[in-house]
Amino acid sequence: MLSTNDIPTPIRSIIKLYIEDARMELTERLTRLVGSLVVAFLLVMVIFATLIFVSIAGAQELRTVVSPGAAYLIIIGCYLLLLAALLVFKKQLIINPLARLLSRTLLSNPKPQSEDE
């Protein structure tokens, strides 16, 4: 069996450099991935907060035309239509963009570094 003492020192140092490079690349890719997910999460939270306020405002405006119960039912119906559209177009709206993000982040080739970096 081959032990680490049997490997010549220059080759051992090259192997250590390759391992360190792989660690750094993995760290960079995971950092980009987590950063993208955090930004997406914050964006979704802002959109949800906005939808809540717009829903309340829309229901208040509809109350001037129809009864209050009907106004809120109309808003609920709009959300159900939105949910149905999301379920129908799930692959195009959720799965494909997420797969692209993951493949671009995790499988992309590293950028070549210049001499002065």
Protein backbone atom coordinates (compact mmCIF):
# COMPACT_ATOMS: atom_id res chain seq x y z
CA MET A 1 0.00 0.00 0.00
CA LEU A 2 1.23 3.49 -0.84
CA SER A 3 1.63 5.89 2.06
CA THR A 4 2.03 9.65 1.95
CA ASN A 5 5.70 9.31 2.89
CA ASP A 6 6.32 7.36 -0.35
CA ILE A 7 5.13 10.30 -2.52
CA PRO A 8 7.91 12.75 -3.43
CA THR A 9 7.67 16.18 -1.79
CA PRO A 10 7.03 18.21 -5.00
CA ILE A 11 4.16 15.94 -6.01
CA ARG A 12 2.73 16.05 -2.48
CA SER A 13 2.79 19.86 -2.54
CA ILE A 14 1.08 19.90 -5.95
CA ILE A 15 -1.65 17.60 -4.66
CA LYS A 16 -2.13 19.86 -1.62
CA LEU A 17 -2.44 22.88 -3.93
CA TYR A 18 -5.08 21.11 -6.05
CA ILE A 19 -7.04 20.21 -2.92
CA GLU A 20 -6.83 23.81 -1.67
CA ASP A 21 -7.94 25.10 -5.07
CA ALA A 22 -10.94 22.73 -5.05
CA ARG A 23 -11.90 23.92 -1.56
CA MET A 24 -11.67 27.57 -2.59
CA GLU A 25 -13.74 26.97 -5.73
CA LEU A 26 -16.38 25.08 -3.74
CA THR A 27 -16.51 27.88 -1.20
CA GLU A 28 -16.91 30.48 -3.94
CA ARG A 29 -19.70 28.56 -5.66
CA LEU A 30 -21.57 27.89 -2.42
CA THR A 31 -21.25 31.55 -1.47
CA ARG A 32 -22.74 32.61 -4.80
CA LEU A 33 -25.53 30.05 -4.45
CA VAL A 34 -26.45 31.02 -0.89
CA GLY A 35 -26.27 34.71 -1.82
CA SER A 36 -28.65 34.17 -4.72
CA LEU A 37 -31.05 32.21 -2.52
CA VAL A 38 -31.02 34.91 0.18
CA VAL A 39 -31.76 37.63 -2.38
CA ALA A 40 -34.57 35.54 -3.86
CA PHE A 41 -36.03 34.91 -0.40
CA LEU A 42 -35.96 38.62 0.46
CA LEU A 43 -37.54 39.48 -2.88
CA VAL A 44 -40.36 36.98 -2.30
CA MET A 45 -40.98 38.41 1.18
CA VAL A 46 -41.23 41.97 -0.20
CA ILE A 47 -43.58 40.78 -2.94
CA PHE A 48 -45.80 39.02 -0.37
CA ALA A 49 -45.94 42.12 1.84
CA THR A 50 -46.84 44.22 -1.19
CA LEU A 51 -49.55 41.75 -2.21
CA ILE A 52 -51.10 41.92 1.25
CA PHE A 53 -51.36 45.70 1.14
CA VAL A 54 -52.62 45.73 -2.45
CA SER A 55 -55.22 43.08 -1.55
CA ILE A 56 -56.52 45.09 1.37
CA ALA A 57 -56.63 48.24 -0.74
CA GLY A 58 -58.39 46.40 -3.56
CA ALA A 59 -60.95 44.92 -1.18
CA GLN A 60 -61.60 48.33 0.37
CA GLU A 61 -62.10 49.82 -3.08
CA LEU A 62 -64.43 46.98 -4.14
CA ARG A 63 -66.50 47.50 -0.99
CA THR A 64 -67.77 50.73 -2.53
CA VAL A 65 -69.27 48.74 -5.42
CA VAL A 66 -70.27 45.38 -3.85
CA SER A 67 -70.88 44.13 -0.35
CA PRO A 68 -67.81 43.71 1.92
CA GLY A 69 -68.07 39.92 1.91
CA ALA A 70 -68.25 39.81 -1.88
CA ALA A 71 -65.26 42.16 -2.15
CA TYR A 72 -63.08 39.82 -0.10
CA LEU A 73 -64.39 36.79 -2.02
CA ILE A 74 -63.38 38.47 -5.28
CA ILE A 75 -59.86 39.02 -3.90
CA ILE A 76 -59.73 35.38 -2.76
CA GLY A 77 -60.85 34.31 -6.25
CA CYS A 78 -58.01 36.32 -7.78
CA TYR A 79 -55.54 34.54 -5.51
CA LEU A 80 -57.00 31.16 -6.42
CA LEU A 81 -56.62 31.99 -10.12
CA LEU A 82 -53.02 33.05 -9.46
CA LEU A 83 -52.39 29.77 -7.60
CA ALA A 84 -53.94 27.75 -10.45
CA ALA A 85 -51.74 29.55 -13.01
CA LEU A 86 -48.70 28.89 -10.82
CA LEU A 87 -49.54 25.19 -10.63
CA VAL A 88 -50.14 24.94 -14.38
CA PHE A 89 -46.91 26.75 -15.29
CA LYS A 90 -44.85 25.33 -12.40
CA LYS A 91 -42.14 23.93 -14.66
CA GLN A 92 -41.63 27.16 -16.61
CA LEU A 93 -41.87 29.50 -13.62
CA ILE A 94 -40.15 27.56 -10.82
CA ILE A 95 -38.37 24.37 -11.84
CA ASN A 96 -36.52 25.56 -14.97
CA PRO A 97 -35.18 28.83 -13.46
CA LEU A 98 -34.08 27.01 -10.30
CA ALA A 99 -32.34 24.31 -12.34
CA ARG A 100 -30.60 26.99 -14.43
CA LEU A 101 -29.42 28.81 -11.30
CA LEU A 102 -28.07 25.63 -9.73
CA SER A 103 -26.38 24.40 -12.90
CA ARG A 104 -24.88 27.82 -13.67
CA THR A 105 -23.60 28.18 -10.12
CA LEU A 106 -22.38 24.67 -9.44
CA LEU A 107 -21.35 23.42 -12.89
CA SER A 108 -19.92 26.52 -14.56
CA ASN A 109 -16.26 26.62 -15.51
CA PRO A 110 -14.13 28.81 -13.26
CA LYS A 111 -13.06 32.14 -14.67
CA PRO A 112 -9.43 32.21 -15.81
CA GLN A 113 -7.32 34.31 -13.50
CA SER A 114 -4.90 36.88 -14.80
CA GLU A 115 -1.27 37.04 -13.76
CA ASP A 116 -1.70 40.12 -11.54
CA GLU A 117 -4.43 38.61 -9.31
